[in-house]
Structure formats: C-alpha cells, structure tokens
Amino acid sequence: MVLFGHSMGGLIAADFLLQQQTEFVAAVLTGAAIRSPQQPSGLVLFINKIISAIAPRFGVLRLDASAISRDSQVVSKYENDPLVYRGKVSARLVNEFFATMKRVVENAELIYLPLLIMHAGEDRLTSVEGSKLLHEKISSEDKKLVIYDGLYHEILNEPERKTIMQDILKWLEPRINRG
C-alpha cells in the first residue's frame, strides 16, 4: 500500500507515518500542512489554546477559496460544493492542527520509508517551507521534494494536473514493484 495525503490530509498522513509506516511501501504528500504560511506567534497559539478549552467550536480562521487553484472553474466548483465547509475553522481544530504540526516536525527523523513530497510554489494555504523542512528532517534515503513554481495549493486541480499525476506514477512505479 501507498499512503497519499494532501493539505490537512498530508499532515495527518505524516503524523500517521510516525506510528504506522511499516504498513506502506511508500508515501506521497502534496501541499502537506507542515507549516502555515503565516506562522502565528507563541502568544497567539497560547490564546487560541485557551479559547479552544473554553469555547472549542468558536471560529477563529477562514480559508481563502481563491488560493486553491489558478483555474477559475475549479474555484467555482469548490465554492458551490455543498460538502465544502465555508465557516471559520474552530479554535479546537486550529489548536490540534498546530500541535500535530509541532509533533511531526519534532519527530520527522522517525520517518524512513520512501517519500515523495510535492508542493506548489505559490501556495498561500500551506507553506512550501514546511515541505522543505520535512524533506530535510526525515531519515529516508529514498526521498524526493518537488516544488511546482507558479502553481496554487491544489496541484492536482491545476491545469498541469496530468503532468503532476505522471510525475507521481513515475516515482511510484519502481517502489511499488520493489515493495
């Protein structure tokens, strides 16, 4: 099996690898939320932690849908999808999110399986620096970091998606056959 995670799912996948990587032959992370583009100060995180304890559902952060893709049709579909949550992200989720980011970065050296990390160079929702940091810190000798200059967060929903899928399949093929 190959573990694939994108954005928040990329963070969850990286965290999962810290405990269960023996279940997989490889992993692919795209736009993983390892770092925030606007990393909040320790004080802001502390205040959010208090809000999370007192009013966990209180909305503290709204995501910008226009940052997902350069393709206006993709953005429109996203904005009109009834399954997409449009409210503010809760204080509890933000608290858990940053705690997980910290845990993944602090323990990244425990990840040793083959890992492909891909990130959009113009990502405004997650930080490309987080992907660079993760790539630097993991122990795997079989690791690759690819930054797609000019692309937005949802690299698999950008006009270049076919090329990106080919890049993923090309990287995976020898690892799946070897695994």
N, C-alpha and C. Protein backbone atom coordinates (compact mmCIF):
# COMPACT_ATOMS: atom_id res chain seq x y z
N MET A 1 0.84 -1.18 0.00
CA MET A 1 0.00 0.00 0.00
C MET A 1 0.88 1.25 0.00
N VAL A 2 0.34 2.29 -0.60
CA VAL A 2 0.97 3.60 -0.62
C VAL A 2 0.04 4.56 0.11
N LEU A 3 0.60 5.36 1.00
CA LEU A 3 -0.18 6.36 1.71
C LEU A 3 -0.08 7.67 0.95
N PHE A 4 -1.24 8.29 0.68
CA PHE A 4 -1.29 9.56 0.00
C PHE A 4 -2.04 10.55 0.87
N GLY A 5 -1.49 11.75 1.02
CA GLY A 5 -2.17 12.78 1.80
C GLY A 5 -1.94 14.15 1.20
N HIS A 6 -3.02 14.94 1.18
CA HIS A 6 -2.94 16.30 0.65
C HIS A 6 -3.41 17.30 1.70
N SER A 7 -2.69 18.40 1.84
CA SER A 7 -3.06 19.51 2.70
C SER A 7 -3.18 19.05 4.16
N MET A 8 -4.35 19.20 4.77
CA MET A 8 -4.53 18.69 6.14
C MET A 8 -4.33 17.18 6.14
N GLY A 9 -4.78 16.52 5.07
CA GLY A 9 -4.57 15.08 4.95
C GLY A 9 -3.09 14.73 4.86
N GLY A 10 -2.29 15.64 4.30
CA GLY A 10 -0.84 15.43 4.26
C GLY A 10 -0.23 15.49 5.64
N LEU A 11 -0.73 16.41 6.46
CA LEU A 11 -0.28 16.49 7.85
C LEU A 11 -0.70 15.23 8.62
N ILE A 12 -1.95 14.82 8.43
CA ILE A 12 -2.44 13.61 9.10
C ILE A 12 -1.64 12.40 8.65
N ALA A 13 -1.35 12.31 7.35
CA ALA A 13 -0.56 11.18 6.83
C ALA A 13 0.84 11.18 7.42
N ALA A 14 1.49 12.34 7.49
CA ALA A 14 2.83 12.41 8.08
C ALA A 14 2.80 11.98 9.54
N ASP A 15 1.78 12.42 10.27
CA ASP A 15 1.63 12.02 11.67
C ASP A 15 1.40 10.51 11.78
N PHE A 16 0.60 9.97 10.89
CA PHE A 16 0.32 8.53 10.87
C PHE A 16 1.59 7.72 10.59
N LEU A 17 2.44 8.26 9.71
CA LEU A 17 3.69 7.57 9.39
C LEU A 17 4.60 7.43 10.61
N LEU A 18 4.48 8.35 11.55
CA LEU A 18 5.31 8.26 12.76
C LEU A 18 5.02 6.98 13.54
N GLN A 19 3.81 6.42 13.36
CA GLN A 19 3.44 5.22 14.11
C GLN A 19 3.22 3.98 13.25
N GLN A 20 2.83 4.15 11.98
CA GLN A 20 2.39 3.01 11.18
C GLN A 20 3.07 2.89 9.82
N GLN A 21 4.26 3.41 9.65
CA GLN A 21 4.85 3.39 8.31
C GLN A 21 5.19 2.00 7.79
N THR A 22 5.28 1.01 8.66
CA THR A 22 5.59 -0.35 8.21
C THR A 22 4.46 -0.94 7.37
N GLU A 23 3.29 -0.32 7.39
CA GLU A 23 2.15 -0.79 6.61
C GLU A 23 2.26 -0.41 5.13
N PHE A 24 3.22 0.44 4.78
CA PHE A 24 3.28 1.00 3.43
C PHE A 24 4.64 0.77 2.78
N VAL A 25 4.63 0.74 1.43
CA VAL A 25 5.89 0.66 0.69
C VAL A 25 6.42 2.04 0.37
N ALA A 26 5.53 3.05 0.40
CA ALA A 26 5.92 4.42 0.10
C ALA A 26 4.79 5.35 0.51
N ALA A 27 5.10 6.65 0.48
CA ALA A 27 4.08 7.66 0.77
C ALA A 27 4.30 8.86 -0.16
N VAL A 28 3.18 9.54 -0.46
CA VAL A 28 3.20 10.74 -1.28
C VAL A 28 2.43 11.81 -0.52
N LEU A 29 3.06 12.96 -0.32
CA LEU A 29 2.41 14.09 0.34
C LEU A 29 2.40 15.27 -0.62
N THR A 30 1.22 15.87 -0.81
CA THR A 30 1.11 17.05 -1.66
C THR A 30 0.54 18.20 -0.84
N GLY A 31 1.21 19.32 -0.89
CA GLY A 31 0.75 20.50 -0.16
C GLY A 31 0.51 20.25 1.31
N ALA A 32 1.32 19.38 1.89
CA ALA A 32 1.12 18.98 3.29
C ALA A 32 1.21 20.20 4.22
N ALA A 33 0.30 20.25 5.15
CA ALA A 33 0.23 21.38 6.10
C ALA A 33 1.20 21.17 7.26
N ILE A 34 2.48 21.19 6.95
CA ILE A 34 3.52 21.01 7.96
C ILE A 34 3.81 22.35 8.65
N ARG A 35 3.64 23.42 7.91
CA ARG A 35 3.81 24.78 8.41
C ARG A 35 2.72 25.65 7.79
N SER A 36 2.38 26.70 8.49
CA SER A 36 1.41 27.67 8.00
C SER A 36 2.16 28.79 7.28
N PRO A 37 1.59 29.33 6.20
CA PRO A 37 2.26 30.45 5.52
C PRO A 37 2.44 31.67 6.43
N GLN A 38 1.50 31.86 7.36
CA GLN A 38 1.62 32.93 8.35
C GLN A 38 1.70 32.26 9.72
N GLN A 39 2.90 31.84 10.07
CA GLN A 39 3.10 31.12 11.32
C GLN A 39 2.76 32.05 12.50
N PRO A 40 1.74 31.70 13.30
CA PRO A 40 1.37 32.56 14.42
C PRO A 40 2.43 32.54 15.53
N SER A 41 2.45 33.61 16.28
CA SER A 41 3.39 33.71 17.39
C SER A 41 2.98 32.74 18.51
N GLY A 42 3.89 32.51 19.42
CA GLY A 42 3.60 31.67 20.58
C GLY A 42 2.45 32.23 21.40
N LEU A 43 2.37 33.55 21.50
CA LEU A 43 1.29 34.19 22.25
C LEU A 43 -0.07 33.91 21.59
N VAL A 44 -0.14 34.04 20.28
CA VAL A 44 -1.39 33.77 19.56
C VAL A 44 -1.80 32.31 19.73
N LEU A 45 -0.85 31.41 19.66
CA LEU A 45 -1.16 29.98 19.85
C LEU A 45 -1.63 29.71 21.28
N PHE A 46 -1.03 30.39 22.24
CA PHE A 46 -1.43 30.23 23.64
C PHE A 46 -2.86 30.73 23.84
N ILE A 47 -3.16 31.91 23.29
CA ILE A 47 -4.53 32.46 23.40
C ILE A 47 -5.52 31.51 22.73
N ASN A 48 -5.15 30.99 21.55
CA ASN A 48 -6.04 30.04 20.87
C ASN A 48 -6.25 28.78 21.71
N LYS A 49 -5.21 28.34 22.41
CA LYS A 49 -5.32 27.16 23.27
C LYS A 49 -6.35 27.40 24.38
N ILE A 50 -6.33 28.59 24.94
CA ILE A 50 -7.30 28.95 25.98
C ILE A 50 -8.71 28.98 25.38
N ILE A 51 -8.86 29.63 24.22
CA ILE A 51 -10.17 29.67 23.57
C ILE A 51 -10.64 28.25 23.26
N SER A 52 -9.72 27.41 22.82
CA SER A 52 -10.05 26.02 22.50
C SER A 52 -10.60 25.28 23.72
N ALA A 53 -10.05 25.58 24.88
CA ALA A 53 -10.51 24.92 26.11
C ALA A 53 -11.86 25.47 26.58
N ILE A 54 -12.07 26.76 26.39
CA ILE A 54 -13.30 27.41 26.87
C ILE A 54 -14.45 27.29 25.86
N ALA A 55 -14.12 27.57 24.60
CA ALA A 55 -15.14 27.58 23.53
C ALA A 55 -14.57 26.88 22.30
N PRO A 56 -14.47 25.55 22.34
CA PRO A 56 -13.78 24.81 21.29
C PRO A 56 -14.35 25.01 19.88
N ARG A 57 -15.62 25.31 19.77
CA ARG A 57 -16.25 25.47 18.45
C ARG A 57 -16.20 26.90 17.92
N PHE A 58 -15.64 27.79 18.69
CA PHE A 58 -15.55 29.19 18.28
C PHE A 58 -14.68 29.31 17.02
N GLY A 59 -15.20 29.96 15.98
CA GLY A 59 -14.46 30.11 14.72
C GLY A 59 -13.38 31.15 14.81
N VAL A 60 -12.18 30.78 14.40
CA VAL A 60 -11.04 31.71 14.51
C VAL A 60 -10.30 31.94 13.19
N LEU A 61 -10.59 31.14 12.17
CA LEU A 61 -9.79 31.23 10.94
C LEU A 61 -10.65 30.84 9.75
N ARG A 62 -10.60 31.65 8.69
CA ARG A 62 -11.33 31.34 7.46
C ARG A 62 -10.30 31.17 6.34
N LEU A 63 -10.49 30.15 5.52
CA LEU A 63 -9.58 29.89 4.40
C LEU A 63 -10.06 30.61 3.15
N ASP A 64 -9.13 31.05 2.33
CA ASP A 64 -9.41 31.77 1.10
C ASP A 64 -9.53 30.79 -0.06
N ALA A 65 -10.76 30.58 -0.54
CA ALA A 65 -11.00 29.61 -1.61
C ALA A 65 -10.28 29.97 -2.90
N SER A 66 -10.04 31.23 -3.15
CA SER A 66 -9.37 31.63 -4.39
C SER A 66 -7.93 31.14 -4.45
N ALA A 67 -7.39 30.69 -3.32
CA ALA A 67 -6.00 30.24 -3.26
C ALA A 67 -5.84 28.76 -3.60
N ILE A 68 -6.94 28.07 -3.91
CA ILE A 68 -6.79 26.63 -4.17
C ILE A 68 -6.26 26.31 -5.56
N SER A 69 -6.65 27.12 -6.56
CA SER A 69 -6.26 26.82 -7.94
C SER A 69 -6.25 28.08 -8.78
N ARG A 70 -5.44 28.08 -9.82
CA ARG A 70 -5.45 29.17 -10.79
C ARG A 70 -6.59 29.00 -11.78
N ASP A 71 -7.22 27.82 -11.78
CA ASP A 71 -8.33 27.52 -12.66
C ASP A 71 -9.63 28.02 -12.02
N SER A 72 -10.24 29.04 -12.60
CA SER A 72 -11.44 29.64 -12.01
C SER A 72 -12.60 28.65 -11.94
N GLN A 73 -12.66 27.68 -12.84
CA GLN A 73 -13.72 26.67 -12.79
C GLN A 73 -13.56 25.77 -11.56
N VAL A 74 -12.33 25.44 -11.22
CA VAL A 74 -12.06 24.63 -10.02
C VAL A 74 -12.49 25.41 -8.78
N VAL A 75 -12.15 26.68 -8.73
CA VAL A 75 -12.52 27.52 -7.58
C VAL A 75 -14.04 27.63 -7.48
N SER A 76 -14.70 27.83 -8.60
CA SER A 76 -16.16 27.95 -8.62
C SER A 76 -16.82 26.65 -8.13
N LYS A 77 -16.34 25.52 -8.62
CA LYS A 77 -16.89 24.22 -8.18
C LYS A 77 -16.70 24.05 -6.67
N TYR A 78 -15.53 24.42 -6.18
CA TYR A 78 -15.25 24.33 -4.75
C TYR A 78 -16.20 25.22 -3.96
N GLU A 79 -16.36 26.47 -4.40
CA GLU A 79 -17.22 27.41 -3.68
C GLU A 79 -18.68 27.00 -3.70
N ASN A 80 -19.10 26.25 -4.71
CA ASN A 80 -20.50 25.83 -4.83
C ASN A 80 -20.76 24.40 -4.39
N ASP A 81 -19.72 23.72 -3.92
CA ASP A 81 -19.87 22.34 -3.47
C ASP A 81 -20.56 22.34 -2.10
N PRO A 82 -21.73 21.69 -1.99
CA PRO A 82 -22.44 21.69 -0.70
C PRO A 82 -21.70 20.93 0.40
N LEU A 83 -20.71 20.14 0.03
CA LEU A 83 -19.96 19.38 1.03
C LEU A 83 -18.76 20.15 1.59
N VAL A 84 -18.48 21.30 1.02
CA VAL A 84 -17.36 22.12 1.49
C VAL A 84 -17.84 23.02 2.62
N TYR A 85 -17.13 22.95 3.73
CA TYR A 85 -17.44 23.79 4.88
C TYR A 85 -16.95 25.21 4.61
N ARG A 86 -17.83 26.20 4.76
CA ARG A 86 -17.48 27.58 4.46
C ARG A 86 -17.31 28.46 5.69
N GLY A 87 -17.57 27.92 6.84
CA GLY A 87 -17.44 28.71 8.07
C GLY A 87 -15.99 28.85 8.49
N LYS A 88 -15.83 29.49 9.62
CA LYS A 88 -14.48 29.63 10.18
C LYS A 88 -14.05 28.31 10.83
N VAL A 89 -12.76 28.04 10.75
CA VAL A 89 -12.18 26.85 11.39
C VAL A 89 -12.23 27.07 12.90
N SER A 90 -12.61 26.04 13.63
CA SER A 90 -12.79 26.17 15.08
C SER A 90 -11.45 26.29 15.81
N ALA A 91 -11.53 26.91 16.97
CA ALA A 91 -10.35 27.07 17.82
C ALA A 91 -9.75 25.71 18.17
N ARG A 92 -10.58 24.72 18.43
CA ARG A 92 -10.08 23.38 18.77
C ARG A 92 -9.32 22.77 17.61
N LEU A 93 -9.87 22.88 16.40
CA LEU A 93 -9.18 22.31 15.24
C LEU A 93 -7.85 23.02 15.02
N VAL A 94 -7.83 24.34 15.12
CA VAL A 94 -6.58 25.08 14.96
C VAL A 94 -5.57 24.65 16.02
N ASN A 95 -6.02 24.48 17.25
CA ASN A 95 -5.13 24.04 18.33
C ASN A 95 -4.53 22.66 18.02
N GLU A 96 -5.37 21.72 17.62
CA GLU A 96 -4.90 20.37 17.30
C GLU A 96 -4.01 20.37 16.07
N PHE A 97 -4.35 21.20 15.12
CA PHE A 97 -3.58 21.33 13.89
C PHE A 97 -2.13 21.72 14.21
N PHE A 98 -1.96 22.79 14.99
CA PHE A 98 -0.61 23.26 15.31
C PHE A 98 0.13 22.31 16.24
N ALA A 99 -0.58 21.62 17.11
CA ALA A 99 0.06 20.61 17.96
C ALA A 99 0.58 19.46 17.10
N THR A 100 -0.20 19.07 16.08
CA THR A 100 0.23 17.99 15.19
C THR A 100 1.40 18.43 14.33
N MET A 101 1.36 19.67 13.84
CA MET A 101 2.50 20.20 13.07
C MET A 101 3.78 20.10 13.90
N LYS A 102 3.70 20.52 15.15
CA LYS A 102 4.86 20.50 16.03
C LYS A 102 5.35 19.07 16.24
N ARG A 103 4.43 18.14 16.50
CA ARG A 103 4.80 16.73 16.73
C ARG A 103 5.49 16.13 15.49
N VAL A 104 4.94 16.42 14.31
CA VAL A 104 5.53 15.87 13.09
C VAL A 104 6.94 16.42 12.87
N VAL A 105 7.12 17.72 13.02
CA VAL A 105 8.45 18.31 12.81
C VAL A 105 9.45 17.78 13.85
N GLU A 106 9.02 17.69 15.11
CA GLU A 106 9.92 17.23 16.17
C GLU A 106 10.31 15.76 16.01
N ASN A 107 9.49 14.97 15.34
CA ASN A 107 9.75 13.52 15.22
C ASN A 107 9.98 13.07 13.79
N ALA A 108 10.17 14.00 12.87
CA ALA A 108 10.28 13.66 11.45
C ALA A 108 11.38 12.65 11.15
N GLU A 109 12.44 12.67 11.94
CA GLU A 109 13.55 11.72 11.67
C GLU A 109 13.12 10.26 11.82
N LEU A 110 11.98 10.01 12.44
CA LEU A 110 11.47 8.65 12.58
C LEU A 110 10.88 8.11 11.28
N ILE A 111 10.66 8.98 10.30
CA ILE A 111 10.12 8.55 9.01
C ILE A 111 11.28 8.11 8.13
N TYR A 112 11.22 6.84 7.72
CA TYR A 112 12.33 6.27 6.95
C TYR A 112 11.89 5.61 5.65
N LEU A 113 10.60 5.51 5.38
CA LEU A 113 10.19 4.85 4.14
C LEU A 113 10.30 5.81 2.96
N PRO A 114 10.27 5.30 1.73
CA PRO A 114 10.33 6.18 0.56
C PRO A 114 9.21 7.22 0.60
N LEU A 115 9.59 8.48 0.37
CA LEU A 115 8.62 9.56 0.50
C LEU A 115 8.80 10.58 -0.62
N LEU A 116 7.70 10.83 -1.34
CA LEU A 116 7.66 11.88 -2.35
C LEU A 116 6.87 13.03 -1.76
N ILE A 117 7.49 14.21 -1.70
CA ILE A 117 6.86 15.40 -1.17
C ILE A 117 6.74 16.40 -2.32
N MET A 118 5.51 16.84 -2.58
CA MET A 118 5.25 17.78 -3.67
C MET A 118 4.53 19.00 -3.09
N HIS A 119 4.88 20.17 -3.62
CA HIS A 119 4.26 21.38 -3.11
C HIS A 119 4.19 22.43 -4.21
N ALA A 120 3.16 23.24 -4.17
CA ALA A 120 3.00 24.34 -5.11
C ALA A 120 3.86 25.52 -4.66
N GLY A 121 4.58 26.09 -5.59
CA GLY A 121 5.45 27.22 -5.26
C GLY A 121 4.70 28.47 -4.84
N GLU A 122 3.45 28.63 -5.28
CA GLU A 122 2.66 29.81 -4.93
C GLU A 122 1.53 29.46 -3.96
N ASP A 123 1.75 28.45 -3.15
CA ASP A 123 0.74 28.01 -2.18
C ASP A 123 0.58 29.06 -1.09
N ARG A 124 -0.66 29.53 -0.90
CA ARG A 124 -0.95 30.51 0.15
C ARG A 124 -1.72 29.89 1.31
N LEU A 125 -2.04 28.58 1.20
CA LEU A 125 -2.78 27.91 2.26
C LEU A 125 -1.89 27.08 3.17
N THR A 126 -0.86 26.49 2.61
CA THR A 126 0.15 25.78 3.41
C THR A 126 1.53 26.26 2.94
N SER A 127 2.51 26.14 3.78
CA SER A 127 3.82 26.70 3.48
C SER A 127 4.74 25.70 2.79
N VAL A 128 5.28 26.13 1.67
CA VAL A 128 6.27 25.31 0.97
C VAL A 128 7.48 25.08 1.88
N GLU A 129 7.75 26.01 2.78
CA GLU A 129 8.87 25.85 3.72
C GLU A 129 8.66 24.65 4.63
N GLY A 130 7.42 24.34 4.95
CA GLY A 130 7.13 23.15 5.76
C GLY A 130 7.51 21.87 5.03
N SER A 131 7.23 21.81 3.74
CA SER A 131 7.61 20.63 2.95
C SER A 131 9.13 20.52 2.85
N LYS A 132 9.79 21.66 2.68
CA LYS A 132 11.26 21.65 2.63
C LYS A 132 11.84 21.17 3.96
N LEU A 133 11.27 21.64 5.06
CA LEU A 133 11.73 21.23 6.39
C LEU A 133 11.52 19.73 6.61
N LEU A 134 10.35 19.24 6.25
CA LEU A 134 10.07 17.81 6.40
C LEU A 134 11.05 16.99 5.58
N HIS A 135 11.26 17.38 4.33
CA HIS A 135 12.20 16.66 3.46
C HIS A 135 13.60 16.63 4.07
N GLU A 136 14.00 17.73 4.65
CA GLU A 136 15.33 17.82 5.28
C GLU A 136 15.45 16.91 6.50
N LYS A 137 14.37 16.82 7.29
CA LYS A 137 14.46 16.14 8.58
C LYS A 137 14.20 14.63 8.54
N ILE A 138 13.46 14.13 7.53
CA ILE A 138 13.16 12.70 7.55
C ILE A 138 14.43 11.88 7.33
N SER A 139 14.42 10.64 7.82
CA SER A 139 15.59 9.77 7.74
C SER A 139 15.69 8.98 6.45
N SER A 140 14.63 8.93 5.69
CA SER A 140 14.61 8.15 4.46
C SER A 140 15.75 8.53 3.53
N GLU A 141 16.40 7.50 2.99
CA GLU A 141 17.42 7.75 1.98
C GLU A 141 16.76 7.86 0.60
N ASP A 142 15.54 7.40 0.50
CA ASP A 142 14.77 7.45 -0.75
C ASP A 142 13.67 8.50 -0.58
N LYS A 143 14.04 9.73 -0.83
CA LYS A 143 13.10 10.84 -0.66
C LYS A 143 13.29 11.83 -1.79
N LYS A 144 12.18 12.48 -2.15
CA LYS A 144 12.25 13.45 -3.23
C LYS A 144 11.30 14.60 -2.91
N LEU A 145 11.78 15.81 -3.13
CA LEU A 145 10.98 17.01 -2.96
C LEU A 145 10.84 17.68 -4.32
N VAL A 146 9.60 17.96 -4.71
CA VAL A 146 9.34 18.64 -5.98
C VAL A 146 8.49 19.87 -5.68
N ILE A 147 8.99 21.02 -6.10
CA ILE A 147 8.26 22.28 -5.96
C ILE A 147 7.83 22.70 -7.36
N TYR A 148 6.54 22.93 -7.53
CA TYR A 148 5.99 23.35 -8.82
C TYR A 148 5.80 24.86 -8.81
N ASP A 149 6.75 25.57 -9.39
CA ASP A 149 6.71 27.03 -9.43
C ASP A 149 5.44 27.51 -10.12
N GLY A 150 4.83 28.54 -9.55
CA GLY A 150 3.68 29.17 -10.16
C GLY A 150 2.34 28.53 -9.86
N LEU A 151 2.34 27.31 -9.31
CA LEU A 151 1.08 26.62 -9.05
C LEU A 151 0.53 27.00 -7.68
N TYR A 152 -0.81 26.83 -7.55
CA TYR A 152 -1.51 27.09 -6.29
C TYR A 152 -1.68 25.78 -5.52
N HIS A 153 -2.30 25.86 -4.38
CA HIS A 153 -2.38 24.79 -3.39
C HIS A 153 -2.81 23.42 -3.93
N GLU A 154 -3.90 23.35 -4.67
CA GLU A 154 -4.43 22.07 -5.16
C GLU A 154 -3.71 21.66 -6.44
N ILE A 155 -2.50 21.16 -6.33
CA ILE A 155 -1.71 20.86 -7.53
C ILE A 155 -2.39 19.84 -8.44
N LEU A 156 -3.22 18.99 -7.88
CA LEU A 156 -3.91 18.00 -8.72
C LEU A 156 -5.20 18.58 -9.32
N ASN A 157 -5.47 19.84 -9.05
CA ASN A 157 -6.59 20.55 -9.67
C ASN A 157 -6.11 21.78 -10.43
N GLU A 158 -4.85 21.81 -10.74
CA GLU A 158 -4.29 22.88 -11.55
C GLU A 158 -4.29 22.43 -13.02
N PRO A 159 -4.15 23.36 -13.95
CA PRO A 159 -4.12 22.97 -15.36
C PRO A 159 -3.03 21.93 -15.69
N GLU A 160 -1.97 21.88 -14.89
CA GLU A 160 -0.85 20.94 -15.11
C GLU A 160 -1.07 19.58 -14.45
N ARG A 161 -2.29 19.28 -14.03
CA ARG A 161 -2.57 18.07 -13.25
C ARG A 161 -2.11 16.78 -13.93
N LYS A 162 -2.22 16.69 -15.24
CA LYS A 162 -1.80 15.45 -15.92
C LYS A 162 -0.30 15.22 -15.77
N THR A 163 0.47 16.28 -15.89
CA THR A 163 1.92 16.18 -15.71
C THR A 163 2.25 15.76 -14.28
N ILE A 164 1.55 16.33 -13.33
CA ILE A 164 1.81 16.02 -11.92
C ILE A 164 1.44 14.56 -11.63
N MET A 165 0.32 14.10 -12.16
CA MET A 165 -0.06 12.69 -11.98
C MET A 165 1.00 11.77 -12.59
N GLN A 166 1.51 12.14 -13.76
CA GLN A 166 2.57 11.36 -14.39
C GLN A 166 3.83 11.34 -13.52
N ASP A 167 4.16 12.48 -12.91
CA ASP A 167 5.32 12.55 -12.02
C ASP A 167 5.14 11.61 -10.83
N ILE A 168 3.93 11.58 -10.27
CA ILE A 168 3.65 10.69 -9.14
C ILE A 168 3.78 9.24 -9.56
N LEU A 169 3.14 8.88 -10.67
CA LEU A 169 3.17 7.49 -11.14
C LEU A 169 4.59 7.05 -11.50
N LYS A 170 5.35 7.93 -12.13
CA LYS A 170 6.74 7.62 -12.49
C LYS A 170 7.58 7.35 -11.24
N TRP A 171 7.35 8.15 -10.19
CA TRP A 171 8.10 7.94 -8.94
C TRP A 171 7.64 6.67 -8.23
N LEU A 172 6.35 6.41 -8.25
CA LEU A 172 5.81 5.26 -7.52
C LEU A 172 6.14 3.89 -8.15
N GLU A 173 6.14 3.84 -9.47
CA GLU A 173 6.26 2.56 -10.16
C GLU A 173 7.40 1.68 -9.65
N PRO A 174 8.64 2.16 -9.61
CA PRO A 174 9.72 1.26 -9.14
C PRO A 174 9.59 0.90 -7.66
N ARG A 175 8.98 1.75 -6.88
CA ARG A 175 8.83 1.47 -5.45
C ARG A 175 7.75 0.46 -5.19
N ILE A 176 6.70 0.50 -5.98
CA ILE A 176 5.63 -0.49 -5.83
C ILE A 176 6.12 -1.85 -6.29
N ASN A 177 6.82 -1.88 -7.42
CA ASN A 177 7.35 -3.15 -7.93
C ASN A 177 8.38 -3.74 -6.98
N ARG A 178 9.19 -2.87 -6.37
CA ARG A 178 10.21 -3.32 -5.42
C ARG A 178 9.55 -3.79 -4.13
N GLY A 179 8.47 -3.08 -3.73
CA GLY A 179 7.79 -3.39 -2.47
C GLY A 179 7.02 -4.68 -2.54
